[in-house]
Amino acid sequence: MTTTASNVGRISTRYLALALIVGNLANAQDSADGNTIPGNAALESAGAVIGEIIFDKRNIFDLSDPEEDKWLYRWANRLHLVTRDEVIDKQLLFAPGDSFSSRLLEETERILRRNRYLIDAQLKPVRYENGVVDVQVMTHDVWSLTPDVSFSRRGGANRIGFGIEETNLFGRGQLMRLKYIDDVDRTTTRFEFEDRNLGSSWWTAYLRVADNSDGDTKILSLVRPFHALDARWTAGGRLLDDDRRTALYRLGDEAAEYQHEREFATAIGGWSQGLRNGRVRRWTAGIVYDDNLFSPVPDPMLPALIPEDRKLVYPFLGIEIVEDQFETTANANQMGRTEDFYLGTRLSASIGWSDQSFGADRDALIFSAAVSRGFGSLEKTFLLLSATTSGRHEGSNRANAKTTLNARFYHRQSGKRLFFMTLRGTAGHDLDLDNPVQLGGKSGLRGYPLRYQSGDSKILFTVEQRYFTDWYPFRLFRVGGAVFADVGRTWGDNPVGEENFGWLPNVGFGLRFAPTRFSTDKVGHLDFAFPLGGDASIDSVQILFIAKRSF
């Protein structure tokens, strides 16, 4: 019998794929019907095609678990509208008939986990036959309709809020929020709506309308982002109209004030060739209109210190380079949930030119750049580094130039203990009066009042020993704890004048509360911080109760 070269090639390819499948049996899993499913690498090598997509949508509580099979939890499950199939389906990066790709499954998991109405998402092949692989999409819902009642205290200032929030309106993945907030700056009544997948698309629509005690805010945004590594284009625009009173601080107390009216608009477009050799290069272009007017506050209570009006109108060009290097872990910044970390190199930069002929009040080169990189192993020791810079060149002078460096170090001592350090520094040059560098209870120096020191540069160093417990009260939130020390200082002049106390250290301890059944990715902090410096007016202990996106 005669065999052609092409036939030999096809036979060799088939045997190679078979060998890879056999070689991957150690990574294989069993399907529901007892058949062995090859590992993901073997499925890709064999040219497997996606068949059925099976949605495994889990309600808030697992009633098969005796700890959760309670009347209150059964009632909550019955009242909750589980996320609709089509909402999950339109966020998938693959469809029946596509070639099986382990990378796309992992990226889809990350996209789904970004939704606040889901606490977890896991994708895996569950059946393989005749070159066709069925994929299960497991999602775990949380309670999405919540009375939004909050009280926080940090830096000696209270913040009170109440309202109602729905993060998964009618199971469609839409956000709607109505909230009243009373804090040190203003009282606000705010309405928000967001749909991250408008219709069945990747377009994101966002609306915010706020009535403030010192003005009002309106934001409208419609953007199709680079939603995935292999996404080829982006487009959209954003409008902002904001009017508010702003205070300048001296040792944590308001010392001067001004009224700030801002009109901002931008339109962007972008393109990319997609993922190539593990890397993405994206180009963006657009135009920005940014008009800032400053005036005395009506019925002032403090001396006026008025920034210079500023109107910038400029086209810009930007570039972003992203490596495909993501990893997952748990018990690092959160508790009891999958955490996605980016450990690759990401570079971005943009440059624009504001010109009086465009309607601006000055000629200026507008620049910004950022870089980040991760090192090490998430299971032992890793380091995350990032840097950003931005500002303007007006003639031969730099204006409002600010460079920030951030280093975060994690050392996992066990599944229950983690040592954390962070170093953050900012250097400013000729900053706009409305863009001060501040340090205090709100910005990480936990033992001191809100906005205690101001200048044009600062540095903050934190060490923290984190503890993750097995305590799971009422199966509603996980509990952890931390012992910490912070030290920081500012440099440069404060426009309102204040004594600079140099290095300001504090020590403290606190509890952490991570809700697992509600639509929030924030961790509750109850901290007791003890200042070791500053002036005599500071309380000997600062009690902070806040919600943050990290442990």
Protein backbone atom coordinates (compact mmCIF):
# COMPACT_ATOMS: atom_id res chain seq x y z
CA MET A 1 0.00 0.00 0.00
CA THR A 2 1.27 3.48 -0.85
CA THR A 3 1.20 6.24 1.78
CA THR A 4 1.70 9.88 0.76
CA ALA A 5 3.83 12.33 2.78
CA SER A 6 0.73 14.34 3.78
CA ASN A 7 -0.94 11.18 5.08
CA VAL A 8 2.16 10.37 7.09
CA GLY A 9 2.04 13.89 8.57
CA ARG A 10 -1.60 13.50 9.53
CA ILE A 11 -0.99 10.11 11.11
CA SER A 12 2.04 11.44 13.01
CA THR A 13 0.03 14.37 14.30
CA ARG A 14 -2.70 12.06 15.53
CA TYR A 15 -0.20 9.80 17.30
CA LEU A 16 1.49 12.84 18.83
CA ALA A 17 -1.82 14.10 20.16
CA LEU A 18 -2.58 10.61 21.52
CA ALA A 19 0.80 10.48 23.22
CA LEU A 20 0.20 13.86 24.80
CA ILE A 21 -3.17 12.73 26.09
CA VAL A 22 -1.64 9.61 27.64
CA GLY A 23 1.18 11.68 29.07
CA ASN A 24 -1.29 14.02 30.73
CA LEU A 25 -3.24 11.32 32.56
CA ALA A 26 -1.59 12.46 35.79
CA ASN A 27 -3.38 15.76 35.34
CA ALA A 28 -6.62 14.21 34.13
CA GLN A 29 -9.92 14.29 35.98
CA ASP A 30 -13.00 12.12 36.01
CA SER A 31 -16.26 13.37 34.53
CA ALA A 32 -19.66 12.91 36.12
CA ASP A 33 -20.25 9.70 34.12
CA GLY A 34 -16.91 8.21 35.20
CA ASN A 35 -15.01 8.85 31.97
CA THR A 36 -11.49 10.20 32.29
CA ILE A 37 -10.97 13.70 30.91
CA PRO A 38 -7.48 14.57 29.67
CA GLY A 39 -5.64 17.54 31.15
CA ASN A 40 -6.09 20.96 29.59
CA ALA A 41 -2.76 20.87 27.73
CA ALA A 42 -3.65 17.52 26.20
CA LEU A 43 -7.07 18.77 25.11
CA GLU A 44 -5.46 21.74 23.37
CA SER A 45 -2.84 19.54 21.67
CA ALA A 46 -5.52 17.16 20.48
CA GLY A 47 -7.42 20.04 18.87
CA ALA A 48 -10.48 19.53 21.06
CA VAL A 49 -13.53 21.60 20.17
CA ILE A 50 -15.91 23.06 22.75
CA GLY A 51 -19.29 21.39 22.73
CA GLU A 52 -21.93 22.13 25.36
CA ILE A 53 -21.48 24.92 27.90
CA ILE A 54 -23.07 23.88 31.19
CA PHE A 55 -24.02 26.55 33.70
CA ASP A 56 -23.68 25.46 37.33
CA LYS A 57 -25.16 28.49 39.13
CA ARG A 58 -24.96 28.21 42.88
CA ASN A 59 -27.22 30.16 45.17
CA ILE A 60 -26.07 32.13 48.19
CA PHE A 61 -26.12 29.25 50.65
CA ASP A 62 -25.29 25.57 50.09
CA LEU A 63 -28.29 23.78 51.58
CA SER A 64 -26.54 20.42 51.25
CA ASP A 65 -24.22 21.62 54.02
CA PRO A 66 -25.83 21.06 57.45
CA GLU A 67 -24.18 24.28 58.69
CA GLU A 68 -26.10 26.24 56.04
CA ASP A 69 -29.35 24.28 55.90
CA LYS A 70 -31.12 26.73 58.20
CA TRP A 71 -34.54 28.37 57.83
CA LEU A 72 -33.07 31.86 57.41
CA TYR A 73 -30.67 30.72 54.72
CA ARG A 74 -33.37 28.73 52.89
CA TRP A 75 -35.54 31.84 52.96
CA ALA A 76 -32.69 33.97 51.58
CA ASN A 77 -32.11 31.51 48.72
CA ARG A 78 -35.80 31.53 47.80
CA LEU A 79 -35.97 35.32 47.71
CA HIS A 80 -32.74 35.78 45.76
CA LEU A 81 -32.86 35.98 41.96
CA VAL A 82 -29.90 33.91 40.74
CA THR A 83 -27.89 35.50 37.93
CA ARG A 84 -29.45 34.76 34.56
CA ASP A 85 -27.72 32.41 32.11
CA GLU A 86 -27.46 35.11 29.44
CA VAL A 87 -25.65 37.47 31.83
CA ILE A 88 -22.93 34.89 32.40
CA ASP A 89 -22.93 33.73 28.79
CA LYS A 90 -22.18 37.18 27.35
CA GLN A 91 -19.06 37.43 29.52
CA LEU A 92 -17.57 34.19 28.19
CA LEU A 93 -14.61 34.48 25.82
CA PHE A 94 -15.53 31.29 23.97
CA ALA A 95 -18.57 29.62 22.42
CA PRO A 96 -19.58 26.15 21.22
CA GLY A 97 -17.56 25.21 18.17
CA ASP A 98 -14.45 27.15 19.24
CA SER A 99 -11.14 25.41 19.80
CA PHE A 100 -10.57 24.57 23.45
CA SER A 101 -8.18 27.01 25.14
CA SER A 102 -7.07 26.73 28.76
CA ARG A 103 -5.96 30.38 28.65
CA LEU A 104 -9.44 31.58 27.68
CA LEU A 105 -11.01 29.57 30.49
CA GLU A 106 -8.67 31.17 33.03
CA GLU A 107 -9.22 34.69 31.64
CA THR A 108 -13.00 34.18 31.68
CA GLU A 109 -12.76 33.19 35.34
CA ARG A 110 -11.01 36.47 36.09
CA ILE A 111 -13.66 38.46 34.21
CA LEU A 112 -16.49 36.74 36.09
CA ARG A 113 -14.80 37.14 39.47
CA ARG A 114 -14.66 40.92 38.96
CA ASN A 115 -18.46 41.03 39.30
CA ARG A 116 -19.52 42.01 42.81
CA TYR A 117 -22.62 39.81 42.60
CA LEU A 118 -20.41 36.70 42.35
CA ILE A 119 -18.04 35.56 45.07
CA ASP A 120 -16.38 32.96 42.87
CA ALA A 121 -16.24 31.51 39.37
CA GLN A 122 -14.52 28.31 38.26
CA LEU A 123 -14.47 26.79 34.77
CA LYS A 124 -13.45 23.24 33.88
CA PRO A 125 -13.99 20.54 31.25
CA VAL A 126 -16.46 17.92 32.44
CA ARG A 127 -16.93 15.58 29.44
CA TYR A 128 -14.74 14.62 26.47
CA GLU A 129 -15.75 12.40 23.58
CA ASN A 130 -14.88 12.23 19.89
CA GLY A 131 -12.81 15.41 20.01
CA VAL A 132 -15.59 17.44 21.68
CA VAL A 133 -15.22 18.76 25.22
CA ASP A 134 -18.08 20.09 27.34
CA VAL A 135 -17.22 22.93 29.74
CA GLN A 136 -18.84 23.63 33.08
CA VAL A 137 -19.13 27.26 34.21
CA MET A 138 -19.59 27.33 37.99
CA THR A 139 -20.62 30.66 39.52
CA HIS A 140 -21.52 31.40 43.13
CA ASP A 141 -24.00 34.20 43.78
CA VAL A 142 -24.14 36.49 46.80
CA TRP A 143 -27.02 38.52 48.24
CA SER A 144 -27.17 41.53 45.94
CA LEU A 145 -30.00 43.68 47.37
CA THR A 146 -28.72 45.29 50.53
CA PRO A 147 -29.60 48.23 52.74
CA ASP A 148 -26.45 50.30 52.36
CA VAL A 149 -25.91 51.45 55.93
CA SER A 150 -22.37 52.44 56.85
CA PHE A 151 -20.46 54.17 59.59
CA SER A 152 -16.76 54.76 59.38
CA ARG A 153 -14.26 56.68 61.42
CA ARG A 154 -10.69 57.42 60.46
CA GLY A 155 -8.33 60.21 61.25
CA GLY A 156 -10.74 61.56 63.88
CA ALA A 157 -13.51 62.14 61.32
CA ASN A 158 -16.83 60.30 61.03
CA ARG A 159 -18.59 59.25 57.85
CA ILE A 160 -22.22 58.11 57.93
CA GLY A 161 -24.15 56.72 55.00
CA PHE A 162 -27.44 54.96 54.40
CA GLY A 163 -29.37 53.94 51.34
CA ILE A 164 -30.16 50.91 49.23
CA GLU A 165 -28.03 49.11 46.68
CA GLU A 166 -28.75 46.40 44.11
CA THR A 167 -25.71 45.02 42.27
CA ASN A 168 -27.59 42.41 40.22
CA LEU A 169 -30.87 44.07 39.23
CA PHE A 170 -33.44 41.36 38.34
CA GLY A 171 -30.51 38.95 37.90
CA ARG A 172 -29.23 40.99 34.92
CA GLY A 173 -25.89 42.07 36.39
CA GLN A 174 -26.80 45.77 36.57
CA LEU A 175 -25.98 48.09 39.47
CA MET A 176 -28.46 50.56 40.95
CA ARG A 177 -27.70 52.58 44.09
CA LEU A 178 -29.43 55.37 46.02
CA LYS A 179 -27.44 56.67 48.97
CA TYR A 180 -27.15 59.53 51.46
CA ILE A 181 -23.65 60.29 52.81
CA ASP A 182 -22.60 62.69 55.57
CA ASP A 183 -18.85 63.08 56.02
CA VAL A 184 -16.27 65.69 56.93
CA ASP A 185 -16.41 67.31 53.47
CA ARG A 186 -20.11 67.44 52.60
CA THR A 187 -23.51 65.78 52.69
CA THR A 188 -24.53 64.00 49.48
CA THR A 189 -27.63 62.37 48.06
CA ARG A 190 -26.47 60.19 45.17
CA PHE A 191 -28.04 58.00 42.49
CA GLU A 192 -25.96 55.61 40.39
CA PHE A 193 -26.64 53.11 37.59
CA GLU A 194 -24.16 50.87 35.80
CA ASP A 195 -24.46 48.15 33.19
CA ARG A 196 -21.10 46.57 32.36
CA ASN A 197 -22.51 44.56 29.44
CA LEU A 198 -25.04 46.83 27.78
CA GLY A 199 -27.47 44.67 25.87
CA SER A 200 -25.35 41.68 24.88
CA SER A 201 -22.23 43.72 24.23
CA TRP A 202 -19.01 44.66 26.02
CA TRP A 203 -20.10 48.32 26.25
CA THR A 204 -20.23 49.72 29.81
CA ALA A 205 -22.76 52.45 30.64
CA TYR A 206 -22.47 54.44 33.85
CA LEU A 207 -24.55 57.29 35.27
CA ARG A 208 -24.13 59.21 38.53
CA VAL A 209 -26.21 62.17 39.73
CA ALA A 210 -25.42 63.69 43.11
CA ASP A 211 -26.97 66.59 44.99
CA ASN A 212 -24.34 67.86 47.43
CA SER A 213 -24.56 70.40 50.22
CA ASP A 214 -21.87 72.41 48.42
CA GLY A 215 -22.87 71.83 44.77
CA ASP A 216 -23.76 68.94 42.53
CA THR A 217 -22.14 66.23 40.42
CA LYS A 218 -23.16 64.62 37.13
CA ILE A 219 -21.21 61.83 35.42
CA LEU A 220 -22.14 59.99 32.22
CA SER A 221 -19.87 57.40 30.66
CA LEU A 222 -20.23 55.01 27.74
CA VAL A 223 -17.12 52.95 26.98
CA ARG A 224 -16.25 49.70 25.27
CA PRO A 225 -12.98 48.78 27.01
CA PHE A 226 -10.26 46.37 25.99
CA HIS A 227 -12.26 43.71 27.84
CA ALA A 228 -9.83 40.84 27.19
CA LEU A 229 -6.20 40.32 26.29
CA ASP A 230 -7.13 39.50 22.72
CA ALA A 231 -9.64 42.36 22.33
CA ARG A 232 -8.92 44.37 19.18
CA TRP A 233 -10.53 47.78 19.81
CA THR A 234 -11.89 50.22 22.34
CA ALA A 235 -14.05 53.34 22.03
CA GLY A 236 -16.18 55.60 24.14
CA GLY A 237 -16.52 58.84 26.01
CA ARG A 238 -17.08 60.38 29.42
CA LEU A 239 -18.74 63.59 30.64
CA LEU A 240 -18.32 65.17 34.07
CA ASP A 241 -19.91 68.28 35.54
CA ASP A 242 -18.88 68.90 39.14
CA ASP A 243 -19.31 71.80 41.56
CA ARG A 244 -18.03 71.55 45.13
CA ARG A 245 -16.39 73.29 48.06
CA THR A 246 -12.86 72.13 48.82
CA ALA A 247 -10.87 72.79 52.01
CA LEU A 248 -7.14 73.02 52.61
CA TYR A 249 -5.87 71.62 55.90
CA ARG A 250 -3.45 72.55 58.66
CA LEU A 251 -2.63 69.74 61.16
CA GLY A 252 -5.87 67.93 60.32
CA ASP A 253 -8.11 71.00 60.68
CA GLU A 254 -9.66 73.05 57.88
CA ALA A 255 -7.70 76.26 57.37
CA ALA A 256 -8.85 77.69 54.02
CA GLU A 257 -11.43 76.98 51.34
CA TYR A 258 -12.46 77.58 47.74
CA GLN A 259 -15.24 76.63 45.32
CA HIS A 260 -14.27 74.38 42.40
CA GLU A 261 -16.38 74.07 39.24
CA ARG A 262 -15.16 71.52 36.72
CA GLU A 263 -16.39 70.56 33.27
CA PHE A 264 -14.63 67.55 31.80
CA ALA A 265 -15.22 65.62 28.58
CA THR A 266 -13.20 63.03 26.73
CA ALA A 267 -13.63 60.80 23.70
CA ILE A 268 -11.28 57.92 22.97
CA GLY A 269 -10.65 55.19 20.45
CA GLY A 270 -8.07 52.43 20.44
CA TRP A 271 -6.84 49.43 18.54
CA SER A 272 -4.68 46.37 19.06
CA GLN A 273 -3.46 43.32 17.15
CA GLY A 274 -4.44 41.24 20.16
CA LEU A 275 -2.35 38.73 22.08
CA ARG A 276 0.90 37.89 20.29
CA ASN A 277 3.58 35.66 21.84
CA GLY A 278 2.24 36.21 25.34
CA ARG A 279 2.11 40.01 25.03
CA VAL A 280 -0.43 42.67 24.06
CA ARG A 281 0.29 46.08 22.54
CA ARG A 282 -2.55 48.60 22.55
CA TRP A 283 -2.74 52.06 21.01
CA THR A 284 -5.26 54.71 22.03
CA ALA A 285 -6.03 58.20 20.77
CA GLY A 286 -8.55 60.79 21.82
CA ILE A 287 -9.29 64.33 22.87
CA VAL A 288 -9.76 65.89 26.32
CA TYR A 289 -11.61 69.06 27.40
CA ASP A 290 -10.85 69.95 31.04
CA ASP A 291 -12.08 73.33 32.33
CA ASN A 292 -11.49 74.20 36.00
CA LEU A 293 -12.87 77.41 37.51
CA PHE A 294 -12.10 78.46 41.09
CA SER A 295 -13.87 81.10 43.18
CA PRO A 296 -14.62 82.05 46.80
CA VAL A 297 -17.13 79.87 48.64
CA PRO A 298 -20.62 81.35 49.05
CA ASP A 299 -21.15 82.26 52.73
CA PRO A 300 -17.53 81.46 53.64
CA MET A 301 -16.55 80.25 57.09
CA LEU A 302 -12.79 80.20 56.47
CA PRO A 303 -10.22 82.39 54.72
CA ALA A 304 -10.26 82.05 50.93
CA LEU A 305 -7.24 80.61 49.11
CA ILE A 306 -8.12 80.42 45.43
CA PRO A 307 -6.22 78.29 42.89
CA GLU A 308 -5.56 79.69 39.43
CA ASP A 309 -8.19 78.89 36.79
CA ARG A 310 -7.06 76.19 34.39
CA LYS A 311 -8.45 75.18 31.00
CA LEU A 312 -6.78 72.40 29.03
CA VAL A 313 -7.94 71.19 25.62
CA TYR A 314 -5.73 68.58 23.98
CA PRO A 315 -5.60 65.57 21.71
CA PHE A 316 -3.51 62.68 23.02
CA LEU A 317 -1.89 59.43 21.91
CA GLY A 318 -1.26 56.52 24.24
CA ILE A 319 0.31 53.07 24.25
CA GLU A 320 -0.01 50.13 26.64
CA ILE A 321 2.00 46.89 26.70
CA VAL A 322 0.71 43.99 28.84
CA GLU A 323 2.21 40.56 29.44
CA ASP A 324 -0.09 37.58 29.94
CA GLN A 325 1.04 36.59 33.42
CA PHE A 326 -1.71 36.17 35.99
CA GLU A 327 -1.81 33.90 39.03
CA THR A 328 -4.33 33.10 41.77
CA THR A 329 -4.04 32.66 45.51
CA ALA A 330 -6.09 33.13 48.69
CA ASN A 331 -5.63 34.78 52.08
CA ALA A 332 -3.42 37.61 50.89
CA ASN A 333 -5.55 40.76 50.51
CA GLN A 334 -8.89 39.02 51.12
CA MET A 335 -10.16 36.13 53.20
CA GLY A 336 -11.67 32.88 51.98
CA ARG A 337 -11.95 33.80 48.31
CA THR A 338 -9.93 33.39 45.12
CA GLU A 339 -7.66 36.39 44.49
CA ASP A 340 -6.23 37.26 41.08
CA PHE A 341 -2.78 38.84 40.99
CA TYR A 342 -0.95 40.28 38.00
CA LEU A 343 2.76 39.38 38.04
CA GLY A 344 3.76 40.38 34.51
CA THR A 345 5.19 43.63 33.21
CA ARG A 346 2.69 46.34 32.29
CA LEU A 347 3.80 49.59 30.64
CA SER A 348 1.61 52.52 29.63
CA ALA A 349 2.25 56.06 28.51
CA SER A 350 0.35 58.91 26.92
CA ILE A 351 1.26 62.31 25.58
CA GLY A 352 -0.94 65.23 24.52
CA TRP A 353 -0.65 68.84 23.45
CA SER A 354 -2.90 71.59 24.82
CA ASP A 355 -2.95 74.69 22.61
CA GLN A 356 -4.64 78.07 22.86
CA SER A 357 -5.82 77.65 19.29
CA PHE A 358 -7.94 74.69 20.52
CA GLY A 359 -9.62 76.93 23.14
CA ALA A 360 -7.21 76.24 26.02
CA ASP A 361 -5.86 79.02 28.22
CA ARG A 362 -2.25 77.86 27.77
CA ASP A 363 0.10 75.86 25.58
CA ALA A 364 1.27 72.76 27.42
CA LEU A 365 2.61 69.26 26.87
CA ILE A 366 0.52 66.80 28.93
CA PHE A 367 2.26 63.54 29.85
CA SER A 368 1.67 60.44 31.95
CA ALA A 369 3.33 57.04 32.26
CA ALA A 370 3.06 53.95 34.47
CA VAL A 371 4.93 50.68 34.91
CA SER A 372 4.29 47.68 37.15
CA ARG A 373 5.92 44.29 37.66
CA GLY A 374 5.58 41.30 39.99
CA PHE A 375 8.29 38.98 41.27
CA GLY A 376 8.33 35.70 43.20
CA SER A 377 5.79 33.04 44.10
CA LEU A 378 2.30 33.69 45.45
CA GLU A 379 2.62 30.58 47.59
CA LYS A 380 5.71 31.80 49.44
CA THR A 381 7.22 35.26 48.88
CA PHE A 382 6.35 37.85 46.25
CA LEU A 383 6.95 41.53 45.54
CA LEU A 384 4.76 43.91 43.51
CA LEU A 385 6.38 47.10 42.21
CA SER A 386 4.69 50.01 40.45
CA ALA A 387 5.52 53.57 39.47
CA THR A 388 3.52 56.39 37.89
CA THR A 389 4.36 59.88 36.72
CA SER A 390 2.26 62.68 35.27
CA GLY A 391 2.29 66.42 34.77
CA ARG A 392 2.61 69.27 32.29
CA HIS A 393 5.43 71.06 30.50
CA GLU A 394 4.53 74.74 30.05
CA GLY A 395 7.31 76.36 28.05
CA SER A 396 10.52 75.32 29.76
CA ASN A 397 8.89 74.65 33.13
CA ARG A 398 7.32 71.56 34.62
CA ALA A 399 3.98 72.08 36.33
CA ASN A 400 1.82 69.84 38.49
CA ALA A 401 4.40 67.07 38.06
CA LYS A 402 3.99 64.12 40.39
CA THR A 403 5.88 60.81 40.53
CA THR A 404 4.74 57.96 42.79
CA LEU A 405 6.55 54.72 43.65
CA ASN A 406 4.85 51.78 45.38
CA ALA A 407 6.36 48.50 46.62
CA ARG A 408 4.28 45.75 48.26
CA PHE A 409 6.00 42.74 49.82
CA TYR A 410 4.20 39.54 50.90
CA HIS A 411 5.76 36.64 52.80
CA ARG A 412 3.45 33.69 53.49
CA GLN A 413 4.44 32.04 56.77
CA SER A 414 1.58 29.53 56.71
CA GLY A 415 -1.98 29.20 55.49
CA LYS A 416 -3.06 31.34 58.46
CA ARG A 417 -0.24 33.90 58.76
CA LEU A 418 1.23 36.41 56.31
CA PHE A 419 3.82 39.15 56.79
CA PHE A 420 3.23 42.28 54.71
CA MET A 421 5.25 45.43 54.06
CA THR A 422 4.58 48.39 51.82
CA LEU A 423 6.63 51.43 50.88
CA ARG A 424 4.93 54.34 49.10
CA GLY A 425 6.57 57.57 48.07
CA THR A 426 5.40 60.61 46.10
CA ALA A 427 7.53 63.46 44.79
CA GLY A 428 5.79 66.57 43.46
CA HIS A 429 7.00 69.67 41.65
CA ASP A 430 5.09 72.95 41.29
CA LEU A 431 1.78 71.28 42.13
CA ASP A 432 -1.54 72.95 41.42
CA LEU A 433 -3.10 74.27 44.61
CA ASP A 434 -6.03 71.86 44.17
CA ASN A 435 -3.66 68.86 43.96
CA PRO A 436 -1.86 68.72 47.33
CA VAL A 437 0.09 65.77 48.74
CA GLN A 438 -1.50 64.81 52.07
CA LEU A 439 -0.70 62.30 54.79
CA GLY A 440 -2.88 61.20 57.70
CA GLY A 441 -5.55 58.81 58.85
CA LYS A 442 -7.18 58.58 55.42
CA SER A 443 -3.95 57.90 53.52
CA GLY A 444 -2.39 55.16 55.64
CA LEU A 445 -0.87 56.91 58.67
CA ARG A 446 -3.45 55.39 60.98
CA GLY A 447 -2.44 57.00 64.26
CA TYR A 448 -3.02 60.59 63.13
CA PRO A 449 -5.94 62.85 62.16
CA LEU A 450 -7.31 63.07 58.66
CA ARG A 451 -4.99 65.05 56.32
CA TYR A 452 -2.65 65.82 59.20
CA GLN A 453 0.40 66.90 57.15
CA SER A 454 0.54 68.41 53.66
CA GLY A 455 3.31 69.31 51.25
CA ASP A 456 4.48 68.47 47.76
CA SER A 457 6.18 65.13 48.61
CA LYS A 458 5.67 62.29 51.08
CA ILE A 459 6.81 58.81 52.06
CA LEU A 460 4.98 56.12 54.04
CA PHE A 461 6.32 52.77 55.27
CA THR A 462 4.06 50.07 56.79
CA VAL A 463 4.77 46.66 58.31
CA GLU A 464 1.88 44.37 59.15
CA GLN A 465 1.52 40.87 60.54
CA ARG A 466 -1.73 39.40 59.23
CA TYR A 467 -3.68 36.54 60.78
CA PHE A 468 -6.42 34.56 59.03
CA THR A 469 -8.65 32.57 61.37
CA ASP A 470 -11.16 29.76 60.85
CA TRP A 471 -13.80 31.74 62.72
CA TYR A 472 -16.81 32.02 60.39
CA PRO A 473 -19.67 33.57 62.43
CA PHE A 474 -23.12 32.54 61.16
CA ARG A 475 -21.43 31.54 57.87
CA LEU A 476 -21.70 35.21 56.88
CA PHE A 477 -18.21 36.69 57.26
CA ARG A 478 -14.67 35.57 57.97
CA VAL A 479 -12.57 37.10 60.72
CA GLY A 480 -8.90 37.97 60.78
CA GLY A 481 -6.55 40.25 62.66
CA ALA A 482 -3.44 42.37 62.24
CA VAL A 483 -0.66 43.99 64.22
CA PHE A 484 0.92 46.95 62.41
CA ALA A 485 3.29 49.88 62.50
CA ASP A 486 3.33 52.90 60.17
CA VAL A 487 5.85 55.69 59.79
CA GLY A 488 5.75 58.57 57.32
CA ARG A 489 6.43 62.22 56.67
CA THR A 490 5.86 64.99 54.15
CA TRP A 491 8.19 67.55 52.58
CA GLY A 492 7.58 70.91 50.99
CA ASP A 493 5.42 73.87 51.87
CA ASN A 494 1.78 73.75 52.80
CA PRO A 495 0.06 76.79 51.21
CA VAL A 496 -1.80 77.54 54.45
CA GLY A 497 1.36 77.16 56.53
CA GLU A 498 1.88 74.56 59.25
CA GLU A 499 4.64 73.12 61.39
CA ASN A 500 6.22 70.02 59.89
CA PHE A 501 6.78 67.40 62.57
CA GLY A 502 9.13 65.28 60.45
CA TRP A 503 8.83 61.52 60.80
CA LEU A 504 5.51 60.45 62.35
CA PRO A 505 5.35 56.86 63.64
CA ASN A 506 2.43 54.89 65.05
CA VAL A 507 1.73 51.32 66.15
CA GLY A 508 -1.54 49.46 66.48
CA PHE A 509 -3.67 46.37 66.13
CA GLY A 510 -7.02 45.55 64.61
CA LEU A 511 -9.66 43.08 63.50
CA ARG A 512 -10.73 42.30 59.93
CA PHE A 513 -14.20 41.23 58.78
CA ALA A 514 -14.70 39.90 55.24
CA PRO A 515 -18.36 39.37 54.21
CA THR A 516 -18.84 36.26 52.07
CA ARG A 517 -22.60 36.41 51.35
CA PHE A 518 -23.06 40.03 50.33
CA SER A 519 -22.16 41.95 47.18
CA THR A 520 -19.05 43.69 48.44
CA ASP A 521 -15.37 43.06 47.84
CA LYS A 522 -14.40 45.27 50.77
CA VAL A 523 -12.93 44.15 54.08
CA GLY A 524 -14.12 45.81 57.28
CA HIS A 525 -11.31 47.24 59.46
CA LEU A 526 -11.56 47.95 63.17
CA ASP A 527 -8.18 49.41 64.13
CA PHE A 528 -6.72 50.90 67.28
CA ALA A 529 -3.70 53.05 66.43
CA PHE A 530 -1.37 54.80 68.86
CA PRO A 531 0.55 57.86 67.63
CA LEU A 532 4.16 58.25 68.75
CA GLY A 533 4.72 61.78 67.49
CA GLY A 534 2.97 64.93 66.32
CA ASP A 535 1.58 67.81 68.38
CA ALA A 536 -0.06 67.71 71.80
CA SER A 537 -3.61 68.03 70.46
CA ILE A 538 -3.65 64.50 68.99
CA ASP A 539 -5.67 61.89 70.88
CA SER A 540 -3.53 59.18 72.46
CA VAL A 541 -5.46 56.53 70.51
CA GLN A 542 -7.14 56.75 67.13
CA ILE A 543 -10.06 54.37 66.53
CA LEU A 544 -10.67 53.64 62.87
CA PHE A 545 -13.65 51.74 61.49
CA ILE A 546 -13.53 51.66 57.71
CA ALA A 547 -14.09 49.38 54.71
CA LYS A 548 -11.21 48.87 52.28
CA ARG A 549 -10.59 46.70 49.24
CA SER A 550 -7.69 44.99 50.97
CA PHE A 551 -6.83 43.34 54.28
